[in-house]
Protein backbone atom coordinates (compact mmCIF):
# COMPACT_ATOMS: atom_id res chain seq x y z
CA MET A 1 98.69 140.43 -17.82
CA ILE A 2 95.67 139.04 -16.00
CA LEU A 3 94.38 142.43 -14.91
CA GLU A 4 92.36 144.57 -17.29
CA GLU A 5 94.49 147.17 -19.03
CA THR A 6 92.90 150.01 -17.09
CA ARG A 7 94.42 151.17 -13.79
CA TYR A 8 90.92 151.15 -12.28
CA LEU A 9 88.36 148.53 -11.47
CA PRO A 10 86.97 146.12 -12.36
CA PHE A 11 89.46 143.31 -12.11
CA SER A 12 88.97 140.47 -14.55
CA PRO A 13 87.43 137.23 -13.23
CA GLU A 14 90.82 135.54 -13.67
CA ALA A 15 92.50 138.26 -11.61
CA ILE A 16 89.89 137.88 -8.85
CA ASP A 17 90.64 134.14 -8.66
CA GLU A 18 94.37 134.83 -8.60
CA ILE A 19 93.97 137.43 -5.84
CA GLU A 20 92.01 134.92 -3.75
CA ASN A 21 94.69 132.27 -4.29
CA LEU A 22 97.53 134.63 -3.44
CA SER A 23 95.90 135.89 -0.25
CA ALA A 24 95.05 132.32 0.77
CA SER A 25 98.74 131.53 0.34
CA GLY A 26 99.72 134.33 2.70
CA TYR A 27 100.85 136.96 0.20
CA THR A 28 100.71 140.53 1.48
CA ILE A 29 98.94 143.31 -0.38
CA GLU A 30 102.35 144.69 -1.35
CA GLU A 31 103.39 141.32 -2.78
CA VAL A 32 100.12 141.06 -4.72
CA ALA A 33 100.77 144.54 -6.16
CA ILE A 34 104.25 143.48 -7.27
CA TYR A 35 102.87 140.22 -8.69
CA PHE A 36 100.39 142.14 -10.87
CA ARG A 37 102.85 144.99 -11.55
CA LEU A 38 100.57 147.53 -9.93
CA ASP A 39 101.41 150.54 -7.83
CA VAL A 40 101.43 149.46 -4.18
CA SER A 41 99.55 152.56 -3.01
CA PHE A 42 96.85 151.91 -5.65
CA LEU A 43 96.23 148.43 -4.26
CA PHE A 44 96.29 149.65 -0.65
CA ASN A 45 93.68 152.26 -1.63
CA GLN A 46 91.60 149.47 -3.16
CA TYR A 47 91.96 147.42 0.02
CA ASN A 48 90.93 150.39 2.18
CA ASN A 49 87.60 150.51 0.33
CA PRO A 50 85.48 147.76 1.95
CA ASP A 51 83.29 147.55 -1.16
CA SER A 52 86.09 147.16 -3.72
CA GLU A 53 86.42 143.95 -5.70
CA PHE A 54 90.04 143.70 -4.58
CA ARG A 55 89.14 143.94 -0.88
CA ILE A 56 86.39 141.37 -1.21
CA ALA A 57 88.59 138.95 -3.19
CA TYR A 58 91.59 139.37 -0.86
CA ASP A 59 89.57 138.86 2.33
CA SER A 60 87.59 136.02 0.75
CA GLY A 61 90.77 134.16 -0.16
CA MET A 62 92.10 134.40 3.39
CA LEU A 63 88.76 133.34 4.88
CA LYS A 64 88.35 130.37 2.51
CA HIS A 65 91.84 129.13 3.40
CA LYS A 66 91.17 129.51 7.11
CA ALA A 67 87.82 127.75 6.77
CA LYS A 68 89.36 124.78 4.94
CA ARG A 69 92.02 124.46 7.64
CA ASP A 70 89.48 124.74 10.45
CA ILE A 71 87.12 122.23 8.85
CA GLU A 72 89.96 119.73 8.52
CA LEU A 73 90.97 120.38 12.13
CA ASN A 74 87.37 119.77 13.20
CA ARG A 75 87.31 116.48 11.26
CA SER A 76 90.51 115.35 12.95
CA ALA A 77 89.08 116.27 16.35
CA SER A 78 85.86 114.39 15.55
CA ASN A 79 87.95 111.36 14.64
CA GLY A 80 89.53 111.41 18.10
CA SER A 81 92.83 113.22 17.57
CA ILE A 82 93.76 114.51 21.02
CA THR A 83 96.07 117.15 19.55
CA ALA A 84 93.35 118.37 17.19
CA ILE A 85 90.85 118.49 20.05
CA GLN A 86 93.23 120.60 22.15
CA ILE A 87 93.99 122.97 19.28
CA LEU A 88 90.31 123.29 18.43
CA GLU A 89 89.36 124.03 22.04
CA LYS A 90 92.01 126.77 22.29
CA MET A 91 90.93 128.24 18.97
CA LEU A 92 87.25 128.29 19.95
CA GLU A 93 88.04 129.88 23.31
CA LYS A 94 90.08 132.58 21.58
CA ARG A 95 87.18 133.26 19.19
CA ARG A 96 84.71 133.52 22.08
CA ILE A 97 86.98 136.04 23.82
CA GLU A 98 87.42 138.09 20.64
CA GLU A 99 83.67 138.09 20.02
CA TYR A 100 82.98 139.17 23.60
CA LYS A 101 85.56 141.98 23.31
CA TYR A 102 83.92 143.12 20.09
CA LYS A 103 80.51 143.16 21.74
CA LEU A 104 81.83 145.11 24.74
CA LEU A 105 83.60 147.69 22.59
CA ASN A 106 80.56 148.19 20.38
CA GLY A 107 77.93 148.28 23.12
CA LEU A 108 76.36 144.97 22.10
CA ALA A 109 76.98 143.03 25.31
């Protein structure tokens, strides 16, 4: 098993890499728990702690995957792909709206 024998943190470096890869591939927290043969509620508790190694690895994997996709989309748009340009414009507009909503809700606007 990739995880350390203990039911608590820390996760091994190999497990951290595997968690990042699984989350980047769209696996849910429940599926990751099953993959590692861990109690689902244990992993959800880990995810609910913003400072836990699991939370950081899981979110990092998703973000890295999204960044790779967005960078490739940006390259395609820069190379003149009309479809990529349209997708990128919609994506950027959505991000601007989400950021503005966040600022409004948190008194930052």
